[in-house]
Amino acid sequence: MSAELRSEYVGVHIPCGCSILVGDDEDSLVDIGVIPEETDSSLSITYEVQTVMGSKREKVLEYVRNMAAEGTSAIYQVKLKTLNDLLGGVMDIEESEGSNVPSATHKIAKGYAKETVYTLPGQNADGSAQTISKVNDGTEDLTDGVDYVQAKGADGSWGIMLLSAATATEELTVTYSYTPAAYVDAYMGDSVRKITPKMIRFYKEYGGKKFWVDLYSAKVTNGLQIGFPAASADTPMSIPLTISGELDTSRVAGKQLLRIHDEIGVGI
């Protein structure tokens, strides 16, 4: 290949490390993660070619219909809320900000033994001991440092250890406060769940220039596959994706499936 011809193709190769963005439209796109470097991603645009023949079997017109797009890729582990957006809302999301629980209670059944640590179910996210406000045996409050002390169990969780078992015939009620870790729970399992198509963008910036592909109305069609790599693995967890794009008929005809935006391969 001549040097002149090679120069025409200098911008064709788009380096790996593409990001995936998802949203309801272009203004709401959120970057949810990067495609793993070792992943071969592809996007196929398919359509049917139809031929209209004249009365003398001459070709009058050729046109395309049923245009669609399908991509295969993967994405490094992402936040559950943004993963739910990518999947079209198939999950129920519940979350907690990790705020203080001021008056939690825990029962210790009668028959407890002294010098045994009874772990409290609510633990501080920072690993510190909870604040115990009261330990009551049904008739009176016990005294910290005399009747009980706070202590760690074998697993490192905090609880109380009784210094005396004289009232072990009564149930104990421990009142305490703690601040748990913030968390997000994602639930799945409905027999019927409507999928909401999203706008999905494959995006790359290289040398200050941008290249992206927008699928205007797309959804993940392979479900959710979660791999758990070995602790010794060099790469984090990744999630394989099969993304299907369909026509967004609310857009102008001819611009309903996708857009490819290229600044990297432009030589003007």
C-alpha atoms as a PDB file:
ATOM      1  CA  MET A   1       0.000   0.000   0.000  1.00  0.00           C
ATOM      2  CA  SER A   2       1.419   3.376  -0.963  1.00  0.00           C
ATOM      3  CA  ALA A   3       2.115   6.092   1.595  1.00  0.00           C
ATOM      4  CA  GLU A   4      -0.513   8.263  -0.097  1.00  0.00           C
ATOM      5  CA  LEU A   5      -3.153   5.551   0.213  1.00  0.00           C
ATOM      6  CA  ARG A   6      -2.196   4.750   3.820  1.00  0.00           C
ATOM      7  CA  SER A   7      -2.701   8.387   4.747  1.00  0.00           C
ATOM      8  CA  GLU A   8      -6.335   8.112   3.678  1.00  0.00           C
ATOM      9  CA  TYR A   9      -6.931   5.473   6.378  1.00  0.00           C
ATOM     10  CA  VAL A  10      -4.978   6.961   9.258  1.00  0.00           C
ATOM     11  CA  GLY A  11      -8.169   7.782  11.204  1.00  0.00           C
ATOM     12  CA  VAL A  12     -10.076   4.553  10.569  1.00  0.00           C
ATOM     13  CA  HIS A  13      -8.927   2.606  13.641  1.00  0.00           C
ATOM     14  CA  ILE A  14     -10.895   3.610  16.744  1.00  0.00           C
ATOM     15  CA  PRO A  15      -8.937   2.519  19.849  1.00  0.00           C
ATOM     16  CA  CYS A  16     -10.619   0.305  22.431  1.00  0.00           C
ATOM     17  CA  GLY A  17     -11.970   1.524  25.758  1.00  0.00           C
ATOM     18  CA  CYS A  18     -15.317   2.767  24.493  1.00  0.00           C
ATOM     19  CA  SER A  19     -17.862   3.952  27.076  1.00  0.00           C
ATOM     20  CA  ILE A  20     -21.595   3.217  27.174  1.00  0.00           C
ATOM     21  CA  LEU A  21     -24.104   5.942  27.990  1.00  0.00           C
ATOM     22  CA  VAL A  22     -27.830   5.484  28.575  1.00  0.00           C
ATOM     23  CA  GLY A  23     -30.793   7.829  28.974  1.00  0.00           C
ATOM     24  CA  ASP A  24     -34.277   8.716  27.816  1.00  0.00           C
ATOM     25  CA  ASP A  25     -32.873  11.132  25.223  1.00  0.00           C
ATOM     26  CA  GLU A  26     -29.625  12.853  24.278  1.00  0.00           C
ATOM     27  CA  ASP A  27     -29.921  15.477  27.034  1.00  0.00           C
ATOM     28  CA  SER A  28     -30.271  12.858  29.797  1.00  0.00           C
ATOM     29  CA  LEU A  29     -27.475  10.457  28.786  1.00  0.00           C
ATOM     30  CA  VAL A  30     -25.409   9.166  31.719  1.00  0.00           C
ATOM     31  CA  ASP A  31     -22.035   7.436  31.396  1.00  0.00           C
ATOM     32  CA  ILE A  32     -22.571   4.074  33.104  1.00  0.00           C
ATOM     33  CA  GLY A  33     -19.266   2.382  32.445  1.00  0.00           C
ATOM     34  CA  VAL A  34     -16.495   1.401  30.085  1.00  0.00           C
ATOM     35  CA  ILE A  35     -16.296  -1.593  27.754  1.00  0.00           C
ATOM     36  CA  PRO A  36     -13.525  -3.978  28.910  1.00  0.00           C
ATOM     37  CA  GLU A  37     -10.351  -3.666  26.860  1.00  0.00           C
ATOM     38  CA  GLU A  38     -10.270  -7.383  26.065  1.00  0.00           C
ATOM     39  CA  THR A  39     -13.852  -7.422  24.747  1.00  0.00           C
ATOM     40  CA  ASP A  40     -14.533  -7.576  21.016  1.00  0.00           C
ATOM     41  CA  SER A  41     -17.624  -5.411  20.533  1.00  0.00           C
ATOM     42  CA  SER A  42     -19.648  -5.246  17.360  1.00  0.00           C
ATOM     43  CA  LEU A  43     -22.759  -3.552  16.012  1.00  0.00           C
ATOM     44  CA  SER A  44     -24.711  -5.046  13.106  1.00  0.00           C
ATOM     45  CA  ILE A  45     -27.309  -3.071  11.147  1.00  0.00           C
ATOM     46  CA  THR A  46     -29.662  -5.335   9.208  1.00  0.00           C
ATOM     47  CA  TYR A  47     -32.504  -4.758   6.762  1.00  0.00           C
ATOM     48  CA  GLU A  48     -34.431  -6.487   4.017  1.00  0.00           C
ATOM     49  CA  VAL A  49     -33.913  -5.444   0.402  1.00  0.00           C
ATOM     50  CA  GLN A  50     -37.179  -5.419  -1.551  1.00  0.00           C
ATOM     51  CA  THR A  51     -37.378  -5.248  -5.329  1.00  0.00           C
ATOM     52  CA  VAL A  52     -40.394  -3.951  -7.254  1.00  0.00           C
ATOM     53  CA  MET A  53     -40.692  -5.440 -10.716  1.00  0.00           C
ATOM     54  CA  GLY A  54     -42.578  -3.985 -13.673  1.00  0.00           C
ATOM     55  CA  SER A  55     -45.069  -5.762 -15.944  1.00  0.00           C
ATOM     56  CA  LYS A  56     -42.229  -6.810 -18.227  1.00  0.00           C
ATOM     57  CA  ARG A  57     -40.158  -8.121 -15.331  1.00  0.00           C
ATOM     58  CA  GLU A  58     -37.978  -5.054 -15.425  1.00  0.00           C
ATOM     59  CA  LYS A  59     -36.635  -3.733 -12.116  1.00  0.00           C
ATOM     60  CA  VAL A  60     -38.585  -0.614 -11.239  1.00  0.00           C
ATOM     61  CA  LEU A  61     -37.442   0.066  -7.670  1.00  0.00           C
ATOM     62  CA  GLU A  62     -35.339  -1.346  -4.881  1.00  0.00           C
ATOM     63  CA  TYR A  63     -35.855  -0.293  -1.282  1.00  0.00           C
ATOM     64  CA  VAL A  64     -35.072  -1.448   2.240  1.00  0.00           C
ATOM     65  CA  ARG A  65     -37.425  -2.204   5.121  1.00  0.00           C
ATOM     66  CA  ASN A  66     -37.394  -3.731   8.614  1.00  0.00           C
ATOM     67  CA  MET A  67     -34.150  -1.977   9.493  1.00  0.00           C
ATOM     68  CA  ALA A  68     -32.769  -2.990  12.908  1.00  0.00           C
ATOM     69  CA  ALA A  69     -29.500  -2.978  14.838  1.00  0.00           C
ATOM     70  CA  GLU A  70     -27.953  -5.463  17.241  1.00  0.00           C
ATOM     71  CA  GLY A  71     -24.756  -5.086  19.215  1.00  0.00           C
ATOM     72  CA  THR A  72     -22.721  -7.421  21.381  1.00  0.00           C
ATOM     73  CA  SER A  73     -20.376  -6.111  24.024  1.00  0.00           C
ATOM     74  CA  ALA A  74     -19.727  -6.141  27.745  1.00  0.00           C
ATOM     75  CA  ILE A  75     -19.404  -3.574  30.483  1.00  0.00           C
ATOM     76  CA  TYR A  76     -17.413  -3.465  33.684  1.00  0.00           C
ATOM     77  CA  GLN A  77     -19.404  -3.677  36.906  1.00  0.00           C
ATOM     78  CA  VAL A  78     -21.795  -0.738  37.260  1.00  0.00           C
ATOM     79  CA  LYS A  79     -24.100   0.786  39.866  1.00  0.00           C
ATOM     80  CA  LEU A  80     -27.364  -1.107  40.222  1.00  0.00           C
ATOM     81  CA  LYS A  81     -29.504   1.969  39.540  1.00  0.00           C
ATOM     82  CA  THR A  82     -27.794   2.752  36.236  1.00  0.00           C
ATOM     83  CA  LEU A  83     -27.730  -0.948  35.333  1.00  0.00           C
ATOM     84  CA  ASN A  84     -31.511  -0.951  35.789  1.00  0.00           C
ATOM     85  CA  ASP A  85     -31.737   1.969  33.348  1.00  0.00           C
ATOM     86  CA  LEU A  86     -29.697   0.005  30.828  1.00  0.00           C
ATOM     87  CA  LEU A  87     -31.960  -3.028  31.265  1.00  0.00           C
ATOM     88  CA  GLY A  88     -35.075  -0.913  30.684  1.00  0.00           C
ATOM     89  CA  GLY A  89     -36.411  -0.917  34.252  1.00  0.00           C
ATOM     90  CA  VAL A  90     -36.788  -4.666  34.886  1.00  0.00           C
ATOM     91  CA  MET A  91     -35.653  -4.290  38.503  1.00  0.00           C
ATOM     92  CA  ASP A  92     -37.283  -2.838  41.604  1.00  0.00           C
ATOM     93  CA  ILE A  93     -34.721  -0.609  43.319  1.00  0.00           C
ATOM     94  CA  GLU A  94     -34.678   0.129  47.047  1.00  0.00           C
ATOM     95  CA  GLU A  95     -31.959   2.203  48.662  1.00  0.00           C
ATOM     96  CA  SER A  96     -30.897   3.554  52.027  1.00  0.00           C
ATOM     97  CA  GLU A  97     -28.698   6.571  52.656  1.00  0.00           C
ATOM     98  CA  GLY A  98     -27.162   4.981  55.748  1.00  0.00           C
ATOM     99  CA  SER A  99     -28.754   7.383  58.253  1.00  0.00           C
ATOM    100  CA  ASN A 100     -28.645   6.887  62.009  1.00  0.00           C
ATOM    101  CA  VAL A 101     -31.104   4.423  63.599  1.00  0.00           C
ATOM    102  CA  PRO A 102     -31.693   6.035  67.001  1.00  0.00           C
ATOM    103  CA  SER A 103     -33.739   3.452  68.958  1.00  0.00           C
ATOM    104  CA  ALA A 104     -33.157  -0.057  67.679  1.00  0.00           C
ATOM    105  CA  THR A 105     -34.079  -2.915  70.024  1.00  0.00           C
ATOM    106  CA  HIS A 106     -32.816  -6.473  70.275  1.00  0.00           C
ATOM    107  CA  LYS A 107     -34.099  -9.286  72.480  1.00  0.00           C
ATOM    108  CA  ILE A 108     -31.797 -11.783  74.190  1.00  0.00           C
ATOM    109  CA  ALA A 109     -33.739 -14.849  75.293  1.00  0.00           C
ATOM    110  CA  LYS A 110     -33.673 -15.946  78.907  1.00  0.00           C
ATOM    111  CA  GLY A 111     -31.058 -18.530  79.724  1.00  0.00           C
ATOM    112  CA  TYR A 112     -28.187 -16.365  78.511  1.00  0.00           C
ATOM    113  CA  ALA A 113     -24.727 -17.003  79.914  1.00  0.00           C
ATOM    114  CA  LYS A 114     -22.195 -14.616  81.373  1.00  0.00           C
ATOM    115  CA  GLU A 115     -18.936 -13.852  79.554  1.00  0.00           C
ATOM    116  CA  THR A 116     -20.566 -14.713  76.225  1.00  0.00           C
ATOM    117  CA  VAL A 117     -20.802 -12.043  73.515  1.00  0.00           C
ATOM    118  CA  TYR A 118     -24.334 -11.567  72.150  1.00  0.00           C
ATOM    119  CA  THR A 119     -23.996  -9.784  68.815  1.00  0.00           C
ATOM    120  CA  LEU A 120     -26.396  -6.950  68.059  1.00  0.00           C
ATOM    121  CA  PRO A 121     -27.856  -7.158  64.528  1.00  0.00           C
ATOM    122  CA  GLY A 122     -27.380  -3.459  63.763  1.00  0.00           C
ATOM    123  CA  GLN A 123     -23.709  -2.629  63.138  1.00  0.00           C
ATOM    124  CA  ASN A 124     -22.002   0.712  62.460  1.00  0.00           C
ATOM    125  CA  ALA A 125     -20.629   0.955  58.933  1.00  0.00           C
ATOM    126  CA  ASP A 126     -17.312   2.327  60.225  1.00  0.00           C
ATOM    127  CA  GLY A 127     -16.769  -0.701  62.481  1.00  0.00           C
ATOM    128  CA  SER A 128     -17.138   1.185  65.753  1.00  0.00           C
ATOM    129  CA  ALA A 129     -19.277   0.053  68.687  1.00  0.00           C
ATOM    130  CA  GLN A 130     -22.951   0.980  68.815  1.00  0.00           C
ATOM    131  CA  THR A 131     -24.273   3.379  71.446  1.00  0.00           C
ATOM    132  CA  ILE A 132     -26.261   1.386  74.001  1.00  0.00           C
ATOM    133  CA  SER A 133     -28.811   3.474  75.850  1.00  0.00           C
ATOM    134  CA  LYS A 134     -30.473   0.776  77.940  1.00  0.00           C
ATOM    135  CA  VAL A 135     -30.377  -2.924  78.824  1.00  0.00           C
ATOM    136  CA  ASN A 136     -33.477  -4.046  80.722  1.00  0.00           C
ATOM    137  CA  ASP A 137     -34.240  -7.487  82.172  1.00  0.00           C
ATOM    138  CA  GLY A 138     -37.993  -6.871  82.460  1.00  0.00           C
ATOM    139  CA  THR A 139     -37.839  -5.459  85.975  1.00  0.00           C
ATOM    140  CA  GLU A 140     -34.881  -3.077  86.026  1.00  0.00           C
ATOM    141  CA  ASP A 141     -32.153  -1.509  83.918  1.00  0.00           C
ATOM    142  CA  LEU A 142     -28.721  -3.128  84.050  1.00  0.00           C
ATOM    143  CA  THR A 143     -25.593  -1.080  84.729  1.00  0.00           C
ATOM    144  CA  ASP A 144     -22.866  -0.701  82.147  1.00  0.00           C
ATOM    145  CA  GLY A 145     -19.513  -1.899  83.454  1.00  0.00           C
ATOM    146  CA  VAL A 146     -21.141  -3.778  86.328  1.00  0.00           C
ATOM    147  CA  ASP A 147     -23.762  -6.038  84.791  1.00  0.00           C
ATOM    148  CA  TYR A 148     -22.564  -5.920  81.170  1.00  0.00           C
ATOM    149  CA  VAL A 149     -19.936  -4.436  78.828  1.00  0.00           C
ATOM    150  CA  GLN A 150     -19.767  -3.951  75.073  1.00  0.00           C
ATOM    151  CA  ALA A 151     -17.480  -6.427  73.345  1.00  0.00           C
ATOM    152  CA  LYS A 152     -16.584  -7.826  69.928  1.00  0.00           C
ATOM    153  CA  GLY A 153     -17.527 -11.329  68.894  1.00  0.00           C
ATOM    154  CA  ALA A 154     -15.213 -13.740  67.093  1.00  0.00           C
ATOM    155  CA  ASP A 155     -16.338 -12.366  63.704  1.00  0.00           C
ATOM    156  CA  GLY A 156     -15.496  -8.785  64.699  1.00  0.00           C
ATOM    157  CA  SER A 157     -19.130  -7.701  65.190  1.00  0.00           C
ATOM    158  CA  TRP A 158     -20.073  -5.663  68.250  1.00  0.00           C
ATOM    159  CA  GLY A 159     -22.521  -6.803  70.927  1.00  0.00           C
ATOM    160  CA  ILE A 160     -22.807  -7.049  74.703  1.00  0.00           C
ATOM    161  CA  MET A 161     -21.266  -9.476  77.151  1.00  0.00           C
ATOM    162  CA  LEU A 162     -23.027 -10.151  80.450  1.00  0.00           C
ATOM    163  CA  LEU A 163     -20.830  -9.992  83.521  1.00  0.00           C
ATOM    164  CA  SER A 164     -23.498 -11.596  85.686  1.00  0.00           C
ATOM    165  CA  ALA A 165     -26.074 -14.255  84.869  1.00  0.00           C
ATOM    166  CA  ALA A 166     -28.005 -13.818  88.093  1.00  0.00           C
ATOM    167  CA  THR A 167     -31.154 -12.707  86.232  1.00  0.00           C
ATOM    168  CA  ALA A 168     -30.818 -15.150  83.321  1.00  0.00           C
ATOM    169  CA  THR A 169     -34.369 -16.309  83.949  1.00  0.00           C
ATOM    170  CA  GLU A 170     -35.671 -13.093  82.334  1.00  0.00           C
ATOM    171  CA  GLU A 171     -35.516 -11.925  78.705  1.00  0.00           C
ATOM    172  CA  LEU A 172     -33.200  -8.970  78.089  1.00  0.00           C
ATOM    173  CA  THR A 173     -34.118  -6.013  75.876  1.00  0.00           C
ATOM    174  CA  VAL A 174     -31.201  -3.988  74.499  1.00  0.00           C
ATOM    175  CA  THR A 175     -31.952  -0.486  73.189  1.00  0.00           C
ATOM    176  CA  TYR A 176     -29.184   1.069  71.099  1.00  0.00           C
ATOM    177  CA  SER A 177     -28.351   3.322  68.160  1.00  0.00           C
ATOM    178  CA  TYR A 178     -26.180   2.684  65.103  1.00  0.00           C
ATOM    179  CA  THR A 179     -25.457   4.006  61.616  1.00  0.00           C
ATOM    180  CA  PRO A 180     -25.453   1.316  58.913  1.00  0.00           C
ATOM    181  CA  ALA A 181     -23.778   1.492  55.518  1.00  0.00           C
ATOM    182  CA  ALA A 182     -25.702   3.072  52.668  1.00  0.00           C
ATOM    183  CA  TYR A 183     -26.963   0.405  50.290  1.00  0.00           C
ATOM    184  CA  VAL A 184     -28.985  -0.302  47.167  1.00  0.00           C
ATOM    185  CA  ASP A 185     -31.086  -3.443  46.791  1.00  0.00           C
ATOM    186  CA  ALA A 186     -32.251  -4.570  43.340  1.00  0.00           C
ATOM    187  CA  TYR A 187     -35.128  -7.033  43.158  1.00  0.00           C
ATOM    188  CA  MET A 188     -36.148  -9.115  40.140  1.00  0.00           C
ATOM    189  CA  GLY A 189     -38.818 -11.753  39.689  1.00  0.00           C
ATOM    190  CA  ASP A 190     -42.103 -10.446  38.237  1.00  0.00           C
ATOM    191  CA  SER A 191     -43.708 -12.826  35.759  1.00  0.00           C
ATOM    192  CA  VAL A 192     -44.615  -9.832  33.573  1.00  0.00           C
ATOM    193  CA  ARG A 193     -42.504  -6.682  33.472  1.00  0.00           C
ATOM    194  CA  LYS A 194     -42.689  -3.996  30.805  1.00  0.00           C
ATOM    195  CA  ILE A 195     -39.330  -3.010  29.335  1.00  0.00           C
ATOM    196  CA  THR A 196     -38.852   0.656  28.524  1.00  0.00           C
ATOM    197  CA  PRO A 197     -36.486   1.163  25.555  1.00  0.00           C
ATOM    198  CA  LYS A 198     -33.668   3.624  26.153  1.00  0.00           C
ATOM    199  CA  MET A 199     -31.320   5.688  24.065  1.00  0.00           C
ATOM    200  CA  ILE A 200     -27.903   4.001  24.203  1.00  0.00           C
ATOM    201  CA  ARG A 201     -24.637   5.604  23.051  1.00  0.00           C
ATOM    202  CA  PHE A 202     -21.291   3.912  22.379  1.00  0.00           C
ATOM    203  CA  TYR A 203     -18.784   6.731  22.889  1.00  0.00           C
ATOM    204  CA  LYS A 204     -15.063   7.229  22.351  1.00  0.00           C
ATOM    205  CA  GLU A 205     -12.884  10.331  22.607  1.00  0.00           C
ATOM    206  CA  TYR A 206      -9.414  10.179  21.117  1.00  0.00           C
ATOM    207  CA  GLY A 207      -6.933  12.990  20.580  1.00  0.00           C
ATOM    208  CA  GLY A 208      -9.539  15.569  21.535  1.00  0.00           C
ATOM    209  CA  LYS A 209     -11.949  14.273  18.872  1.00  0.00           C
ATOM    210  CA  LYS A 210     -15.098  12.228  19.387  1.00  0.00           C
ATOM    211  CA  PHE A 211     -16.733   9.214  17.811  1.00  0.00           C
ATOM    212  CA  TRP A 212     -20.066   7.796  18.894  1.00  0.00           C
ATOM    213  CA  VAL A 213     -22.968   5.647  17.785  1.00  0.00           C
ATOM    214  CA  ASP A 214     -26.459   6.402  19.090  1.00  0.00           C
ATOM    215  CA  LEU A 215     -29.220   3.801  19.108  1.00  0.00           C
ATOM    216  CA  TYR A 216     -32.354   5.871  19.573  1.00  0.00           C
ATOM    217  CA  SER A 217     -34.621   3.113  20.918  1.00  0.00           C
ATOM    218  CA  ALA A 218     -32.751   0.119  22.299  1.00  0.00           C
ATOM    219  CA  LYS A 219     -32.929  -2.562  24.944  1.00  0.00           C
ATOM    220  CA  VAL A 220     -30.752  -5.317  26.392  1.00  0.00           C
ATOM    221  CA  THR A 221     -32.123  -8.646  25.168  1.00  0.00           C
ATOM    222  CA  ASN A 222     -29.827 -11.213  26.805  1.00  0.00           C
ATOM    223  CA  GLY A 223     -31.035 -10.617  30.356  1.00  0.00           C
ATOM    224  CA  LEU A 224     -28.556 -10.176  33.197  1.00  0.00           C
ATOM    225  CA  GLN A 225     -25.449 -12.311  33.410  1.00  0.00           C
ATOM    226  CA  ILE A 226     -23.142 -11.716  36.370  1.00  0.00           C
ATOM    227  CA  GLY A 227     -19.721 -13.324  36.485  1.00  0.00           C
ATOM    228  CA  PHE A 228     -17.643 -13.540  39.648  1.00  0.00           C
ATOM    229  CA  PRO A 229     -13.939 -13.642  38.736  1.00  0.00           C
ATOM    230  CA  ALA A 230     -11.423 -15.254  41.056  1.00  0.00           C
ATOM    231  CA  ALA A 231      -9.803 -13.064  43.678  1.00  0.00           C
ATOM    232  CA  SER A 232      -6.514 -13.489  41.803  1.00  0.00           C
ATOM    233  CA  ALA A 233      -7.990 -12.300  38.475  1.00  0.00           C
ATOM    234  CA  ASP A 234      -6.446  -9.224  36.880  1.00  0.00           C
ATOM    235  CA  THR A 235      -9.759  -7.713  35.751  1.00  0.00           C
ATOM    236  CA  PRO A 236     -12.942  -6.832  37.663  1.00  0.00           C
ATOM    237  CA  MET A 237     -16.376  -8.311  37.126  1.00  0.00           C
ATOM    238  CA  SER A 238     -17.909  -7.618  33.728  1.00  0.00           C
ATOM    239  CA  ILE A 239     -21.433  -8.056  32.403  1.00  0.00           C
ATOM    240  CA  PRO A 240     -22.006  -9.301  28.820  1.00  0.00           C
ATOM    241  CA  LEU A 241     -24.563  -7.383  26.772  1.00  0.00           C
ATOM    242  CA  THR A 242     -26.648  -8.011  23.681  1.00  0.00           C
ATOM    243  CA  ILE A 243     -28.304  -4.731  22.715  1.00  0.00           C
ATOM    244  CA  SER A 244     -31.129  -4.572  20.196  1.00  0.00           C
ATOM    245  CA  GLY A 245     -32.089  -1.317  18.499  1.00  0.00           C
ATOM    246  CA  GLU A 246     -35.411  -0.659  16.822  1.00  0.00           C
ATOM    247  CA  LEU A 247     -36.967   2.254  14.941  1.00  0.00           C
ATOM    248  CA  ASP A 248     -38.075   5.278  16.952  1.00  0.00           C
ATOM    249  CA  THR A 249     -41.054   6.276  14.838  1.00  0.00           C
ATOM    250  CA  SER A 250     -41.412   9.602  16.668  1.00  0.00           C
ATOM    251  CA  ARG A 251     -38.334  10.817  14.760  1.00  0.00           C
ATOM    252  CA  VAL A 252     -38.049  12.052  11.195  1.00  0.00           C
ATOM    253  CA  ALA A 253     -38.248   9.270   8.601  1.00  0.00           C
ATOM    254  CA  GLY A 254     -34.779   8.119   7.570  1.00  0.00           C
ATOM    255  CA  LYS A 255     -33.327   9.091  10.970  1.00  0.00           C
ATOM    256  CA  GLN A 256     -35.214   6.714  13.241  1.00  0.00           C
ATOM    257  CA  LEU A 257     -32.718   3.929  14.020  1.00  0.00           C
ATOM    258  CA  LEU A 258     -29.274   5.330  14.757  1.00  0.00           C
ATOM    259  CA  ARG A 259     -26.723   8.058  14.251  1.00  0.00           C
ATOM    260  CA  ILE A 260     -22.985   7.599  13.748  1.00  0.00           C
ATOM    261  CA  HIS A 261     -21.036  10.733  14.684  1.00  0.00           C
ATOM    262  CA  ASP A 262     -17.392  10.865  13.553  1.00  0.00           C
ATOM    263  CA  GLU A 263     -14.800  13.524  14.263  1.00  0.00           C
ATOM    264  CA  ILE A 264     -11.773  11.201  14.371  1.00  0.00           C
ATOM    265  CA  GLY A 265     -11.864   9.933  10.789  1.00  0.00           C
ATOM    266  CA  VAL A 266     -12.600  13.298   9.168  1.00  0.00           C
ATOM    267  CA  GLY A 267      -9.745  14.657   7.086  1.00  0.00           C
ATOM    268  CA  ILE A 268     -11.142  18.064   6.169  1.00  0.00           C
END
